[in-house]
Amino acid sequence: GGWHRHMTLASAAHAITALAPAARGLRA
């Protein structure tokens, strides 16, 4: 369960990073 919870929250962290340039114009 710990593996799955970590992978879930790490995926959310990835999503925030991936979406940031569309909303905020961050660098590559």
mmCIF file of all heavy atoms, coordinates in Angstrom:
data_MODEL
# 
_entry.id   MODEL 
# 
loop_
_atom_site.group_PDB 
_atom_site.id 
_atom_site.type_symbol 
_atom_site.label_atom_id 
_atom_site.label_alt_id 
_atom_site.label_comp_id 
_atom_site.label_asym_id 
_atom_site.label_entity_id 
_atom_site.label_seq_id 
_atom_site.pdbx_PDB_ins_code 
_atom_site.Cartn_x 
_atom_site.Cartn_y 
_atom_site.Cartn_z 
_atom_site.occupancy 
_atom_site.B_iso_or_equiv 
_atom_site.pdbx_formal_charge 
_atom_site.auth_seq_id 
_atom_site.auth_comp_id 
_atom_site.auth_asym_id 
_atom_site.auth_atom_id 
_atom_site.pdbx_PDB_model_num 
ATOM 1   N N   . GLY A 1 1  ? 0.815  -1.203 0.000   1.00 0.00 ? 1  GLY A N   1 
ATOM 2   C CA  . GLY A 1 1  ? 0.000  0.000  0.000   1.00 0.00 ? 1  GLY A CA  1 
ATOM 3   C C   . GLY A 1 1  ? 0.851  1.256  0.000   1.00 0.00 ? 1  GLY A C   1 
ATOM 4   O O   . GLY A 1 1  ? 0.500  2.256  -0.637  1.00 0.00 ? 1  GLY A O   1 
ATOM 5   N N   . GLY A 1 2  ? 1.970  1.223  0.717   1.00 0.00 ? 2  GLY A N   1 
ATOM 6   C CA  . GLY A 1 2  ? 2.868  2.374  0.746   1.00 0.00 ? 2  GLY A CA  1 
ATOM 7   C C   . GLY A 1 2  ? 3.419  2.691  -0.620  1.00 0.00 ? 2  GLY A C   1 
ATOM 8   O O   . GLY A 1 2  ? 3.519  3.867  -1.009  1.00 0.00 ? 2  GLY A O   1 
ATOM 9   N N   . TRP A 1 3  ? 3.790  1.644  -1.364  1.00 0.00 ? 3  TRP A N   1 
ATOM 10  C CA  . TRP A 1 3  ? 4.289  1.859  -2.728  1.00 0.00 ? 3  TRP A CA  1 
ATOM 11  C C   . TRP A 1 3  ? 3.229  2.552  -3.570  1.00 0.00 ? 3  TRP A C   1 
ATOM 12  O O   . TRP A 1 3  ? 3.506  3.529  -4.270  1.00 0.00 ? 3  TRP A O   1 
ATOM 13  C CB  . TRP A 1 3  ? 4.679  0.529  -3.364  1.00 0.00 ? 3  TRP A CB  1 
ATOM 14  C CG  . TRP A 1 3  ? 5.300  0.656  -4.720  1.00 0.00 ? 3  TRP A CG  1 
ATOM 15  C CD1 . TRP A 1 3  ? 6.620  0.835  -5.020  1.00 0.00 ? 3  TRP A CD1 1 
ATOM 16  C CD2 . TRP A 1 3  ? 4.608  0.632  -5.986  1.00 0.00 ? 3  TRP A CD2 1 
ATOM 17  N NE1 . TRP A 1 3  ? 6.794  0.918  -6.378  1.00 0.00 ? 3  TRP A NE1 1 
ATOM 18  C CE2 . TRP A 1 3  ? 5.587  0.799  -7.003  1.00 0.00 ? 3  TRP A CE2 1 
ATOM 19  C CE3 . TRP A 1 3  ? 3.272  0.486  -6.353  1.00 0.00 ? 3  TRP A CE3 1 
ATOM 20  C CZ2 . TRP A 1 3  ? 5.257  0.824  -8.361  1.00 0.00 ? 3  TRP A CZ2 1 
ATOM 21  C CZ3 . TRP A 1 3  ? 2.938  0.518  -7.705  1.00 0.00 ? 3  TRP A CZ3 1 
ATOM 22  C CH2 . TRP A 1 3  ? 3.934  0.672  -8.687  1.00 0.00 ? 3  TRP A CH2 1 
ATOM 23  N N   . HIS A 1 4  ? 1.994  2.062  -3.508  1.00 0.00 ? 4  HIS A N   1 
ATOM 24  C CA  . HIS A 1 4  ? 0.927  2.633  -4.323  1.00 0.00 ? 4  HIS A CA  1 
ATOM 25  C C   . HIS A 1 4  ? 0.590  4.059  -3.894  1.00 0.00 ? 4  HIS A C   1 
ATOM 26  O O   . HIS A 1 4  ? 0.333  4.923  -4.754  1.00 0.00 ? 4  HIS A O   1 
ATOM 27  C CB  . HIS A 1 4  ? -0.319 1.751  -4.252  1.00 0.00 ? 4  HIS A CB  1 
ATOM 28  C CG  . HIS A 1 4  ? -0.286 0.598  -5.208  1.00 0.00 ? 4  HIS A CG  1 
ATOM 29  N ND1 . HIS A 1 4  ? -0.539 0.739  -6.544  1.00 0.00 ? 4  HIS A ND1 1 
ATOM 30  C CD2 . HIS A 1 4  ? -0.014 -0.724 -5.003  1.00 0.00 ? 4  HIS A CD2 1 
ATOM 31  C CE1 . HIS A 1 4  ? -0.436 -0.441 -7.144  1.00 0.00 ? 4  HIS A CE1 1 
ATOM 32  N NE2 . HIS A 1 4  ? -0.121 -1.343 -6.235  1.00 0.00 ? 4  HIS A NE2 1 
ATOM 33  N N   . ARG A 1 5  ? 0.608  4.341  -2.603  1.00 0.00 ? 5  ARG A N   1 
ATOM 34  C CA  . ARG A 1 5  ? 0.311  5.715  -2.156  1.00 0.00 ? 5  ARG A CA  1 
ATOM 35  C C   . ARG A 1 5  ? 1.418  6.678  -2.593  1.00 0.00 ? 5  ARG A C   1 
ATOM 36  O O   . ARG A 1 5  ? 1.141  7.795  -3.026  1.00 0.00 ? 5  ARG A O   1 
ATOM 37  C CB  . ARG A 1 5  ? 0.125  5.731  -0.641  1.00 0.00 ? 5  ARG A CB  1 
ATOM 38  C CG  . ARG A 1 5  ? -1.109 4.957  -0.181  1.00 0.00 ? 5  ARG A CG  1 
ATOM 39  C CD  . ARG A 1 5  ? -1.368 5.085  1.314   1.00 0.00 ? 5  ARG A CD  1 
ATOM 40  N NE  . ARG A 1 5  ? -2.427 4.165  1.695   1.00 0.00 ? 5  ARG A NE  1 
ATOM 41  C CZ  . ARG A 1 5  ? -2.232 2.950  2.202   1.00 0.00 ? 5  ARG A CZ  1 
ATOM 42  N NH1 . ARG A 1 5  ? -0.992 2.527  2.426   1.00 0.00 ? 5  ARG A NH1 1 
ATOM 43  N NH2 . ARG A 1 5  ? -3.249 2.170  2.493   1.00 0.00 ? 5  ARG A NH2 1 
ATOM 44  N N   . HIS A 1 6  ? 2.674  6.218  -2.470  1.00 0.00 ? 6  HIS A N   1 
ATOM 45  C CA  . HIS A 1 6  ? 3.782  7.070  -2.921  1.00 0.00 ? 6  HIS A CA  1 
ATOM 46  C C   . HIS A 1 6  ? 3.682  7.335  -4.415  1.00 0.00 ? 6  HIS A C   1 
ATOM 47  O O   . HIS A 1 6  ? 3.832  8.485  -4.867  1.00 0.00 ? 6  HIS A O   1 
ATOM 48  C CB  . HIS A 1 6  ? 5.122  6.409  -2.602  1.00 0.00 ? 6  HIS A CB  1 
ATOM 49  C CG  . HIS A 1 6  ? 6.287  7.107  -3.247  1.00 0.00 ? 6  HIS A CG  1 
ATOM 50  N ND1 . HIS A 1 6  ? 6.884  8.219  -2.702  1.00 0.00 ? 6  HIS A ND1 1 
ATOM 51  C CD2 . HIS A 1 6  ? 6.951  6.864  -4.422  1.00 0.00 ? 6  HIS A CD2 1 
ATOM 52  C CE1 . HIS A 1 6  ? 7.866  8.631  -3.486  1.00 0.00 ? 6  HIS A CE1 1 
ATOM 53  N NE2 . HIS A 1 6  ? 7.924  7.824  -4.542  1.00 0.00 ? 6  HIS A NE2 1 
ATOM 54  N N   . MET A 1 7  ? 3.426  6.297  -5.217  1.00 0.00 ? 7  MET A N   1 
ATOM 55  C CA  . MET A 1 7  ? 3.346  6.474  -6.666  1.00 0.00 ? 7  MET A CA  1 
ATOM 56  C C   . MET A 1 7  ? 2.197  7.408  -7.043  1.00 0.00 ? 7  MET A C   1 
ATOM 57  O O   . MET A 1 7  ? 2.301  8.190  -7.989  1.00 0.00 ? 7  MET A O   1 
ATOM 58  C CB  . MET A 1 7  ? 3.177  5.123  -7.359  1.00 0.00 ? 7  MET A CB  1 
ATOM 59  C CG  . MET A 1 7  ? 4.336  4.152  -7.148  1.00 0.00 ? 7  MET A CG  1 
ATOM 60  S SD  . MET A 1 7  ? 5.923  4.723  -7.814  1.00 0.00 ? 7  MET A SD  1 
ATOM 61  C CE  . MET A 1 7  ? 5.716  4.368  -9.556  1.00 0.00 ? 7  MET A CE  1 
ATOM 62  N N   . THR A 1 8  ? 1.113  7.339  -6.284  1.00 0.00 ? 8  THR A N   1 
ATOM 63  C CA  . THR A 1 8  ? -0.031 8.209  -6.546  1.00 0.00 ? 8  THR A CA  1 
ATOM 64  C C   . THR A 1 8  ? 0.326  9.668  -6.300  1.00 0.00 ? 8  THR A C   1 
ATOM 65  O O   . THR A 1 8  ? 0.040  10.546 -7.139  1.00 0.00 ? 8  THR A O   1 
ATOM 66  C CB  . THR A 1 8  ? -1.213 7.808  -5.648  1.00 0.00 ? 8  THR A CB  1 
ATOM 67  O OG1 . THR A 1 8  ? -1.562 6.442  -5.908  1.00 0.00 ? 8  THR A OG1 1 
ATOM 68  C CG2 . THR A 1 8  ? -2.428 8.685  -5.900  1.00 0.00 ? 8  THR A CG2 1 
ATOM 69  N N   . LEU A 1 9  ? 0.960  9.959  -5.170  1.00 0.00 ? 9  LEU A N   1 
ATOM 70  C CA  . LEU A 1 9  ? 1.291  11.337 -4.827  1.00 0.00 ? 9  LEU A CA  1 
ATOM 71  C C   . LEU A 1 9  ? 2.459  11.857 -5.670  1.00 0.00 ? 9  LEU A C   1 
ATOM 72  O O   . LEU A 1 9  ? 2.501  13.048 -6.007  1.00 0.00 ? 9  LEU A O   1 
ATOM 73  C CB  . LEU A 1 9  ? 1.588  11.449 -3.336  1.00 0.00 ? 9  LEU A CB  1 
ATOM 74  C CG  . LEU A 1 9  ? 0.418  11.030 -2.420  1.00 0.00 ? 9  LEU A CG  1 
ATOM 75  C CD1 . LEU A 1 9  ? 0.768  11.260 -0.957  1.00 0.00 ? 9  LEU A CD1 1 
ATOM 76  C CD2 . LEU A 1 9  ? -0.862 11.765 -2.782  1.00 0.00 ? 9  LEU A CD2 1 
ATOM 77  N N   . ALA A 1 10 ? 3.389  10.979 -6.036  1.00 0.00 ? 10 ALA A N   1 
ATOM 78  C CA  . ALA A 1 10 ? 4.460  11.395 -6.946  1.00 0.00 ? 10 ALA A CA  1 
ATOM 79  C C   . ALA A 1 10 ? 3.893  11.713 -8.331  1.00 0.00 ? 10 ALA A C   1 
ATOM 80  O O   . ALA A 1 10 ? 4.383  12.619 -9.022  1.00 0.00 ? 10 ALA A O   1 
ATOM 81  C CB  . ALA A 1 10 ? 5.535  10.312 -7.045  1.00 0.00 ? 10 ALA A CB  1 
ATOM 82  N N   . SER A 1 11 ? 2.858  10.990 -8.741  1.00 0.00 ? 11 SER A N   1 
ATOM 83  C CA  . SER A 1 11 ? 2.199  11.298 -10.010 1.00 0.00 ? 11 SER A CA  1 
ATOM 84  C C   . SER A 1 11 ? 1.531  12.660 -9.951  1.00 0.00 ? 11 SER A C   1 
ATOM 85  O O   . SER A 1 11 ? 1.528  13.415 -10.939 1.00 0.00 ? 11 SER A O   1 
ATOM 86  C CB  . SER A 1 11 ? 1.164  10.216 -10.343 1.00 0.00 ? 11 SER A CB  1 
ATOM 87  O OG  . SER A 1 11 ? 1.791  8.960  -10.538 1.00 0.00 ? 11 SER A OG  1 
ATOM 88  N N   . ALA A 1 12 ? 0.954  12.993 -8.797  1.00 0.00 ? 12 ALA A N   1 
ATOM 89  C CA  . ALA A 1 12 ? 0.352  14.320 -8.629  1.00 0.00 ? 12 ALA A CA  1 
ATOM 90  C C   . ALA A 1 12 ? 1.421  15.406 -8.707  1.00 0.00 ? 12 ALA A C   1 
ATOM 91  O O   . ALA A 1 12 ? 1.210  16.467 -9.308  1.00 0.00 ? 12 ALA A O   1 
ATOM 92  C CB  . ALA A 1 12 ? -0.400 14.393 -7.304  1.00 0.00 ? 12 ALA A CB  1 
ATOM 93  N N   . ALA A 1 13 ? 2.585  15.151 -8.090  1.00 0.00 ? 13 ALA A N   1 
ATOM 94  C CA  . ALA A 1 13 ? 3.688  16.123 -8.158  1.00 0.00 ? 13 ALA A CA  1 
ATOM 95  C C   . ALA A 1 13 ? 4.154  16.301 -9.598  1.00 0.00 ? 13 ALA A C   1 
ATOM 96  O O   . ALA A 1 13 ? 4.452  17.413 -10.042 1.00 0.00 ? 13 ALA A O   1 
ATOM 97  C CB  . ALA A 1 13 ? 4.840  15.667 -7.269  1.00 0.00 ? 13 ALA A CB  1 
ATOM 98  N N   . HIS A 1 14 ? 4.218  15.200 -10.337 1.00 0.00 ? 14 HIS A N   1 
ATOM 99  C CA  . HIS A 1 14 ? 4.567  15.288 -11.758 1.00 0.00 ? 14 HIS A CA  1 
ATOM 100 C C   . HIS A 1 14 ? 3.536  16.133 -12.502 1.00 0.00 ? 14 HIS A C   1 
ATOM 101 O O   . HIS A 1 14 ? 3.885  16.994 -13.313 1.00 0.00 ? 14 HIS A O   1 
ATOM 102 C CB  . HIS A 1 14 ? 4.637  13.888 -12.363 1.00 0.00 ? 14 HIS A CB  1 
ATOM 103 C CG  . HIS A 1 14 ? 4.969  13.864 -13.827 1.00 0.00 ? 14 HIS A CG  1 
ATOM 104 N ND1 . HIS A 1 14 ? 6.064  13.196 -14.325 1.00 0.00 ? 14 HIS A ND1 1 
ATOM 105 C CD2 . HIS A 1 14 ? 4.358  14.430 -14.905 1.00 0.00 ? 14 HIS A CD2 1 
ATOM 106 C CE1 . HIS A 1 14 ? 6.112  13.346 -15.635 1.00 0.00 ? 14 HIS A CE1 1 
ATOM 107 N NE2 . HIS A 1 14 ? 5.074  14.098 -16.011 1.00 0.00 ? 14 HIS A NE2 1 
ATOM 108 N N   . ALA A 1 15 ? 2.259  15.903 -12.223 1.00 0.00 ? 15 ALA A N   1 
ATOM 109 C CA  . ALA A 1 15 ? 1.192  16.625 -12.926 1.00 0.00 ? 15 ALA A CA  1 
ATOM 110 C C   . ALA A 1 15 ? 1.284  18.127 -12.687 1.00 0.00 ? 15 ALA A C   1 
ATOM 111 O O   . ALA A 1 15 ? 1.123  18.933 -13.612 1.00 0.00 ? 15 ALA A O   1 
ATOM 112 C CB  . ALA A 1 15 ? -0.170 16.101 -12.479 1.00 0.00 ? 15 ALA A CB  1 
ATOM 113 N N   . ILE A 1 16 ? 1.550  18.515 -11.444 1.00 0.00 ? 16 ILE A N   1 
ATOM 114 C CA  . ILE A 1 16 ? 1.677  19.943 -11.135 1.00 0.00 ? 16 ILE A CA  1 
ATOM 115 C C   . ILE A 1 16 ? 2.826  20.555 -11.916 1.00 0.00 ? 16 ILE A C   1 
ATOM 116 O O   . ILE A 1 16 ? 2.724  21.652 -12.476 1.00 0.00 ? 16 ILE A O   1 
ATOM 117 C CB  . ILE A 1 16 ? 1.877  20.133 -9.619  1.00 0.00 ? 16 ILE A CB  1 
ATOM 118 C CG1 . ILE A 1 16 ? 0.586  19.766 -8.880  1.00 0.00 ? 16 ILE A CG1 1 
ATOM 119 C CG2 . ILE A 1 16 ? 2.290  21.563 -9.283  1.00 0.00 ? 16 ILE A CG2 1 
ATOM 120 C CD1 . ILE A 1 16 ? 0.746  19.657 -7.391  1.00 0.00 ? 16 ILE A CD1 1 
ATOM 121 N N   . THR A 1 17 ? 3.941  19.826 -11.982 1.00 0.00 ? 17 THR A N   1 
ATOM 122 C CA  . THR A 1 17 ? 5.095  20.305 -12.745 1.00 0.00 ? 17 THR A CA  1 
ATOM 123 C C   . THR A 1 17 ? 4.773  20.402 -14.234 1.00 0.00 ? 17 THR A C   1 
ATOM 124 O O   . THR A 1 17 ? 5.123  21.373 -14.900 1.00 0.00 ? 17 THR A O   1 
ATOM 125 C CB  . THR A 1 17 ? 6.287  19.369 -12.524 1.00 0.00 ? 17 THR A CB  1 
ATOM 126 O OG1 . THR A 1 17 ? 6.543  19.230 -11.136 1.00 0.00 ? 17 THR A OG1 1 
ATOM 127 C CG2 . THR A 1 17 ? 7.533  19.902 -13.211 1.00 0.00 ? 17 THR A CG2 1 
ATOM 128 N N   . ALA A 1 18 ? 4.093  19.377 -14.763 1.00 0.00 ? 18 ALA A N   1 
ATOM 129 C CA  . ALA A 1 18 ? 3.779  19.354 -16.190 1.00 0.00 ? 18 ALA A CA  1 
ATOM 130 C C   . ALA A 1 18 ? 2.813  20.457 -16.585 1.00 0.00 ? 18 ALA A C   1 
ATOM 131 O O   . ALA A 1 18 ? 2.912  21.020 -17.670 1.00 0.00 ? 18 ALA A O   1 
ATOM 132 C CB  . ALA A 1 18 ? 3.202  17.990 -16.574 1.00 0.00 ? 18 ALA A CB  1 
ATOM 133 N N   . LEU A 1 19 ? 1.867  20.769 -15.719 1.00 0.00 ? 19 LEU A N   1 
ATOM 134 C CA  . LEU A 1 19 ? 0.861  21.777 -16.033 1.00 0.00 ? 19 LEU A CA  1 
ATOM 135 C C   . LEU A 1 19 ? 1.349  23.198 -15.781 1.00 0.00 ? 19 LEU A C   1 
ATOM 136 O O   . LEU A 1 19 ? 0.778  24.154 -16.307 1.00 0.00 ? 19 LEU A O   1 
ATOM 137 C CB  . LEU A 1 19 ? -0.404 21.531 -15.214 1.00 0.00 ? 19 LEU A CB  1 
ATOM 138 C CG  . LEU A 1 19 ? -1.189 20.263 -15.552 1.00 0.00 ? 19 LEU A CG  1 
ATOM 139 C CD1 . LEU A 1 19 ? -2.369 20.107 -14.592 1.00 0.00 ? 19 LEU A CD1 1 
ATOM 140 C CD2 . LEU A 1 19 ? -1.677 20.282 -16.992 1.00 0.00 ? 19 LEU A CD2 1 
ATOM 141 N N   . ALA A 1 20 ? 2.402  23.346 -14.989 1.00 0.00 ? 20 ALA A N   1 
ATOM 142 C CA  . ALA A 1 20 ? 2.848  24.684 -14.602 1.00 0.00 ? 20 ALA A CA  1 
ATOM 143 C C   . ALA A 1 20 ? 3.142  25.596 -15.781 1.00 0.00 ? 20 ALA A C   1 
ATOM 144 O O   . ALA A 1 20 ? 2.739  26.757 -15.753 1.00 0.00 ? 20 ALA A O   1 
ATOM 145 C CB  . ALA A 1 20 ? 4.075  24.584 -13.692 1.00 0.00 ? 20 ALA A CB  1 
ATOM 146 N N   . PRO A 1 21 ? 3.832  25.161 -16.853 1.00 0.00 ? 21 PRO A N   1 
ATOM 147 C CA  . PRO A 1 21 ? 4.154  26.102 -17.933 1.00 0.00 ? 21 PRO A CA  1 
ATOM 148 C C   . PRO A 1 21 ? 2.925  26.629 -18.655 1.00 0.00 ? 21 PRO A C   1 
ATOM 149 O O   . PRO A 1 21 ? 2.912  27.763 -19.114 1.00 0.00 ? 21 PRO A O   1 
ATOM 150 C CB  . PRO A 1 21 ? 5.050  25.296 -18.873 1.00 0.00 ? 21 PRO A CB  1 
ATOM 151 C CG  . PRO A 1 21 ? 4.731  23.881 -18.575 1.00 0.00 ? 21 PRO A CG  1 
ATOM 152 C CD  . PRO A 1 21 ? 4.451  23.844 -17.105 1.00 0.00 ? 21 PRO A CD  1 
ATOM 153 N N   . ALA A 1 22 ? 1.874  25.812 -18.761 1.00 0.00 ? 22 ALA A N   1 
ATOM 154 C CA  . ALA A 1 22 ? 0.668  26.259 -19.453 1.00 0.00 ? 22 ALA A CA  1 
ATOM 155 C C   . ALA A 1 22 ? -0.006 27.389 -18.683 1.00 0.00 ? 22 ALA A C   1 
ATOM 156 O O   . ALA A 1 22 ? -0.594 28.289 -19.268 1.00 0.00 ? 22 ALA A O   1 
ATOM 157 C CB  . ALA A 1 22 ? -0.297 25.090 -19.627 1.00 0.00 ? 22 ALA A CB  1 
ATOM 158 N N   . ALA A 1 23 ? 0.125  27.359 -17.329 1.00 0.00 ? 23 ALA A N   1 
ATOM 159 C CA  . ALA A 1 23 ? -0.553 28.350 -16.511 1.00 0.00 ? 23 ALA A CA  1 
ATOM 160 C C   . ALA A 1 23 ? 0.359  29.484 -16.082 1.00 0.00 ? 23 ALA A C   1 
ATOM 161 O O   . ALA A 1 23 ? -0.086 30.597 -15.869 1.00 0.00 ? 23 ALA A O   1 
ATOM 162 C CB  . ALA A 1 23 ? -1.139 27.670 -15.270 1.00 0.00 ? 23 ALA A CB  1 
ATOM 163 N N   . ARG A 1 24 ? 1.675  29.215 -15.978 1.00 0.00 ? 24 ARG A N   1 
ATOM 164 C CA  . ARG A 1 24 ? 2.566  30.183 -15.355 1.00 0.00 ? 24 ARG A CA  1 
ATOM 165 C C   . ARG A 1 24 ? 3.764  30.571 -16.209 1.00 0.00 ? 24 ARG A C   1 
ATOM 166 O O   . ARG A 1 24 ? 4.524  31.464 -15.852 1.00 0.00 ? 24 ARG A O   1 
ATOM 167 C CB  . ARG A 1 24 ? 3.096  29.587 -14.040 1.00 0.00 ? 24 ARG A CB  1 
ATOM 168 C CG  . ARG A 1 24 ? 1.966  28.953 -13.226 1.00 0.00 ? 24 ARG A CG  1 
ATOM 169 C CD  . ARG A 1 24 ? 1.679  29.585 -11.951 1.00 0.00 ? 24 ARG A CD  1 
ATOM 170 N NE  . ARG A 1 24 ? 2.750  30.294 -11.342 1.00 0.00 ? 24 ARG A NE  1 
ATOM 171 C CZ  . ARG A 1 24 ? 2.770  30.540 -10.043 1.00 0.00 ? 24 ARG A CZ  1 
ATOM 172 N NH1 . ARG A 1 24 ? 1.811  30.092 -9.284  1.00 0.00 ? 24 ARG A NH1 1 
ATOM 173 N NH2 . ARG A 1 24 ? 3.743  31.247 -9.500  1.00 0.00 ? 24 ARG A NH2 1 
ATOM 174 N N   . GLY A 1 25 ? 3.977  29.876 -17.321 1.00 0.00 ? 25 GLY A N   1 
ATOM 175 C CA  . GLY A 1 25 ? 5.092  30.241 -18.192 1.00 0.00 ? 25 GLY A CA  1 
ATOM 176 C C   . GLY A 1 25 ? 6.443  29.941 -17.595 1.00 0.00 ? 25 GLY A C   1 
ATOM 177 O O   . GLY A 1 25 ? 7.402  30.674 -17.799 1.00 0.00 ? 25 GLY A O   1 
ATOM 178 N N   . LEU A 1 26 ? 6.552  28.820 -16.832 1.00 0.00 ? 26 LEU A N   1 
ATOM 179 C CA  . LEU A 1 26 ? 7.842  28.483 -16.246 1.00 0.00 ? 26 LEU A CA  1 
ATOM 180 C C   . LEU A 1 26 ? 8.803  28.013 -17.322 1.00 0.00 ? 26 LEU A C   1 
ATOM 181 O O   . LEU A 1 26 ? 8.412  27.600 -18.403 1.00 0.00 ? 26 LEU A O   1 
ATOM 182 C CB  . LEU A 1 26 ? 7.662  27.381 -15.195 1.00 0.00 ? 26 LEU A CB  1 
ATOM 183 C CG  . LEU A 1 26 ? 6.798  27.752 -13.981 1.00 0.00 ? 26 LEU A CG  1 
ATOM 184 C CD1 . LEU A 1 26 ? 6.723  26.575 -13.035 1.00 0.00 ? 26 LEU A CD1 1 
ATOM 185 C CD2 . LEU A 1 26 ? 7.358  28.963 -13.270 1.00 0.00 ? 26 LEU A CD2 1 
ATOM 186 N N   . ARG A 1 27 ? 10.080 27.997 -16.999 1.00 0.00 ? 27 ARG A N   1 
ATOM 187 C CA  . ARG A 1 27 ? 11.095 27.600 -17.964 1.00 0.00 ? 27 ARG A CA  1 
ATOM 188 C C   . ARG A 1 27 ? 11.036 26.103 -18.203 1.00 0.00 ? 27 ARG A C   1 
ATOM 189 O O   . ARG A 1 27 ? 10.430 25.361 -17.448 1.00 0.00 ? 27 ARG A O   1 
ATOM 190 C CB  . ARG A 1 27 ? 12.485 27.996 -17.445 1.00 0.00 ? 27 ARG A CB  1 
ATOM 191 C CG  . ARG A 1 27 ? 12.886 27.288 -16.155 1.00 0.00 ? 27 ARG A CG  1 
ATOM 192 C CD  . ARG A 1 27 ? 14.269 27.739 -15.711 1.00 0.00 ? 27 ARG A CD  1 
ATOM 193 N NE  . ARG A 1 27 ? 14.623 27.226 -14.415 1.00 0.00 ? 27 ARG A NE  1 
ATOM 194 C CZ  . ARG A 1 27 ? 15.044 25.998 -14.192 1.00 0.00 ? 27 ARG A CZ  1 
ATOM 195 N NH1 . ARG A 1 27 ? 15.127 25.139 -15.164 1.00 0.00 ? 27 ARG A NH1 1 
ATOM 196 N NH2 . ARG A 1 27 ? 15.373 25.606 -12.978 1.00 0.00 ? 27 ARG A NH2 1 
ATOM 197 N N   . ALA A 1 28 ? 11.669 25.652 -19.274 1.00 0.00 ? 28 ALA A N   1 
ATOM 198 C CA  . ALA A 1 28 ? 11.664 24.228 -19.623 1.00 0.00 ? 28 ALA A CA  1 
ATOM 199 C C   . ALA A 1 28 ? 12.432 23.429 -18.604 1.00 0.00 ? 28 ALA A C   1 
ATOM 200 O O   . ALA A 1 28 ? 13.375 23.893 -18.005 1.00 0.00 ? 28 ALA A O   1 
ATOM 201 C CB  . ALA A 1 28 ? 12.285 24.047 -21.015 1.00 0.00 ? 28 ALA A CB  1 
# 
